[in-house]
Amino acid sequence: MSQRYRTTLRDRSTLLGATADYSTPPSSGRSSPYVAGGLGNGVSREIPFQPLGQRYADDLEGQNDEALEGLTAKVKILKDITIGIGQEVRDSTVQLSQMNDAFAETSGILAGTFRRMNNMAARQGCRWLWYIVFLIIVFWFFIIVWWFRR
């Protein structure tokens, strides 16, 4: 019993017994050792399916290797997707910081422009307000005329 636990997972012949004489698995694609009697098409056998020692172990090992390769491929795909997401997040962070800097610079420029405009307006008095109101009324008049002439 203790020797059984010392064997590696690749050495399945010691676990299944290499000297036993077993029958071959059915060709129907169903390779379960627990399917008793028949091949699934109404034909039954008196002896239930039993695995064929080393050949059966090799078949199971091959199926396990195929499943492991499939899982490895899926994990690699997920890893590549995760790396791509991480790179996209880093690029987006750089772009957002650049946009933040640009908006901060634009905010400074606009603040300076409004400050100079307010200084100019304070020196000119209240006349500039009437000029702006007049220009807005004229502009609105041209838009209404243009709208009705279409």
Protein backbone atom coordinates (compact mmCIF):
# COMPACT_ATOMS: atom_id res chain seq x y z
CA MET A 1 0.00 0.00 0.00
CA SER A 2 2.79 2.44 0.84
CA GLN A 3 4.58 1.55 -2.40
CA ARG A 4 1.52 2.59 -4.38
CA TYR A 5 1.76 6.13 -3.05
CA ARG A 6 5.47 6.38 -3.84
CA THR A 7 4.95 5.87 -7.57
CA THR A 8 4.73 8.85 -9.85
CA LEU A 9 1.58 9.76 -11.72
CA ARG A 10 3.17 8.78 -15.03
CA ASP A 11 3.76 5.21 -13.82
CA ARG A 12 0.17 4.02 -14.07
CA SER A 13 1.05 0.44 -14.91
CA THR A 14 1.89 -0.24 -11.27
CA LEU A 15 -1.43 1.23 -10.20
CA LEU A 16 -3.50 -0.76 -12.70
CA GLY A 17 -1.40 -3.91 -12.65
CA ALA A 18 0.75 -4.73 -15.67
CA THR A 19 0.30 -8.52 -15.53
CA ALA A 20 -3.51 -8.58 -15.70
CA ASP A 21 -5.15 -9.74 -18.94
CA TYR A 22 -7.88 -7.36 -20.05
CA SER A 23 -10.06 -7.04 -23.13
CA THR A 24 -9.79 -4.13 -25.58
CA PRO A 25 -12.10 -1.13 -25.32
CA PRO A 26 -15.08 -0.87 -27.70
CA SER A 27 -14.68 1.02 -30.96
CA SER A 28 -17.82 3.10 -30.40
CA GLY A 29 -15.88 6.02 -28.92
CA ARG A 30 -17.09 5.23 -25.42
CA SER A 31 -14.00 4.35 -23.47
CA SER A 32 -15.42 4.25 -19.97
CA PRO A 33 -14.39 1.13 -18.04
CA TYR A 34 -17.75 1.20 -16.26
CA VAL A 35 -19.98 0.55 -19.29
CA ALA A 36 -21.30 -2.95 -18.84
CA GLY A 37 -22.44 -5.08 -21.78
CA GLY A 38 -23.08 -3.92 -25.31
CA LEU A 39 -21.71 -1.39 -27.73
CA GLY A 40 -24.78 0.83 -27.63
CA ASN A 41 -26.38 -0.63 -30.76
CA GLY A 42 -28.45 -3.43 -29.18
CA VAL A 43 -25.62 -6.00 -29.26
CA SER A 44 -24.72 -7.13 -25.77
CA ARG A 45 -21.73 -9.02 -24.46
CA GLU A 46 -21.63 -11.26 -21.47
CA ILE A 47 -18.30 -9.89 -20.26
CA PRO A 48 -18.43 -6.21 -19.27
CA PHE A 49 -15.80 -3.90 -20.73
CA GLN A 50 -12.55 -4.02 -18.84
CA PRO A 51 -9.46 -1.94 -19.58
CA LEU A 52 -6.37 -3.40 -21.21
CA GLY A 53 -3.59 -2.68 -18.69
CA GLN A 54 -0.83 -0.55 -20.20
CA ARG A 55 -2.73 0.20 -23.43
CA TYR A 56 -5.67 1.54 -21.46
CA ALA A 57 -3.36 3.57 -19.23
CA ASP A 58 -1.65 5.01 -22.31
CA ASP A 59 -5.05 5.89 -23.81
CA LEU A 60 -6.06 7.66 -20.61
CA GLU A 61 -2.70 9.41 -20.45
CA GLY A 62 -3.14 10.54 -24.07
CA GLN A 63 -6.61 11.88 -23.32
CA ASN A 64 -5.28 13.67 -20.27
CA ASP A 65 -2.43 15.16 -22.30
CA GLU A 66 -4.87 16.38 -24.97
CA ALA A 67 -7.10 17.95 -22.32
CA LEU A 68 -4.05 19.50 -20.68
CA GLU A 69 -2.87 20.95 -24.02
CA GLY A 70 -6.34 22.41 -24.60
CA LEU A 71 -6.38 23.97 -21.15
CA THR A 72 -2.85 25.28 -21.62
CA ALA A 73 -3.89 26.93 -24.88
CA LYS A 74 -6.92 28.51 -23.22
CA VAL A 75 -4.79 29.77 -20.32
CA LYS A 76 -2.30 31.24 -22.82
CA ILE A 77 -5.14 33.02 -24.63
CA LEU A 78 -6.46 34.40 -21.33
CA LYS A 79 -2.96 35.50 -20.36
CA ASP A 80 -2.51 37.30 -23.70
CA ILE A 81 -5.90 39.00 -23.27
CA THR A 82 -4.98 40.05 -19.73
CA ILE A 83 -1.62 41.43 -20.88
CA GLY A 84 -3.40 43.32 -23.67
CA ILE A 85 -5.91 44.78 -21.23
CA GLY A 86 -3.08 45.86 -18.92
CA GLN A 87 -1.23 47.55 -21.80
CA GLU A 88 -4.43 49.31 -22.90
CA VAL A 89 -5.02 50.56 -19.35
CA ARG A 90 -1.45 51.91 -19.16
CA ASP A 91 -1.82 53.65 -22.55
CA SER A 92 -5.19 55.12 -21.52
CA THR A 93 -3.70 56.37 -18.26
CA VAL A 94 -0.93 58.17 -20.15
CA GLN A 95 -3.44 59.72 -22.56
CA LEU A 96 -5.69 60.84 -19.71
CA SER A 97 -2.79 62.48 -17.88
CA GLN A 98 -1.80 64.28 -21.10
CA MET A 99 -5.39 65.46 -21.57
CA ASN A 100 -5.50 66.61 -17.96
CA ASP A 101 -2.32 68.64 -18.51
CA ALA A 102 -3.74 70.12 -21.73
CA PHE A 103 -7.00 71.11 -20.01
CA ALA A 104 -5.09 72.65 -17.11
CA GLU A 105 -3.02 74.69 -19.56
CA THR A 106 -6.15 75.75 -21.47
CA SER A 107 -7.82 76.71 -18.21
CA GLY A 108 -4.86 78.92 -17.36
CA ILE A 109 -4.95 80.58 -20.80
CA LEU A 110 -8.72 81.23 -20.58
CA ALA A 111 -8.42 82.59 -17.05
CA GLY A 112 -5.75 85.05 -18.25
CA THR A 113 -7.87 86.06 -21.24
CA PHE A 114 -10.96 86.71 -19.09
CA ARG A 115 -8.87 88.66 -16.60
CA ARG A 116 -7.47 90.89 -19.37
CA MET A 117 -10.96 91.30 -20.87
CA ASN A 118 -12.37 92.35 -17.50
CA ASN A 119 -9.50 94.84 -17.05
CA MET A 120 -10.22 96.28 -20.49
CA ALA A 121 -13.94 96.45 -19.74
CA ALA A 122 -13.26 98.26 -16.48
CA ARG A 123 -11.17 100.90 -18.31
CA GLN A 124 -13.73 101.37 -21.10
CA GLY A 125 -16.69 101.78 -18.81
CA CYS A 126 -20.08 100.37 -19.71
CA ARG A 127 -20.04 101.10 -23.44
CA TRP A 128 -18.68 97.66 -24.41
CA LEU A 129 -21.75 95.96 -22.90
CA TRP A 130 -24.03 97.93 -25.28
CA TYR A 131 -21.81 96.98 -28.23
CA ILE A 132 -22.09 93.27 -27.35
CA VAL A 133 -25.89 93.51 -26.93
CA PHE A 134 -26.15 95.30 -30.31
CA LEU A 135 -24.02 92.64 -32.03
CA ILE A 136 -26.12 89.82 -30.53
CA ILE A 137 -29.37 91.46 -31.75
CA VAL A 138 -27.94 91.95 -35.27
CA PHE A 139 -26.65 88.39 -35.38
CA TRP A 140 -30.02 87.06 -34.22
CA PHE A 141 -31.80 89.15 -36.88
CA PHE A 142 -29.58 87.70 -39.64
CA ILE A 143 -30.24 84.14 -38.45
CA ILE A 144 -34.04 84.67 -38.45
CA VAL A 145 -33.96 86.21 -41.94
CA TRP A 146 -31.77 83.36 -43.19
CA TRP A 147 -34.12 80.79 -41.60
CA PHE A 148 -37.25 82.16 -43.31
CA ARG A 149 -35.58 82.57 -46.72
CA ARG A 150 -34.64 78.88 -46.98
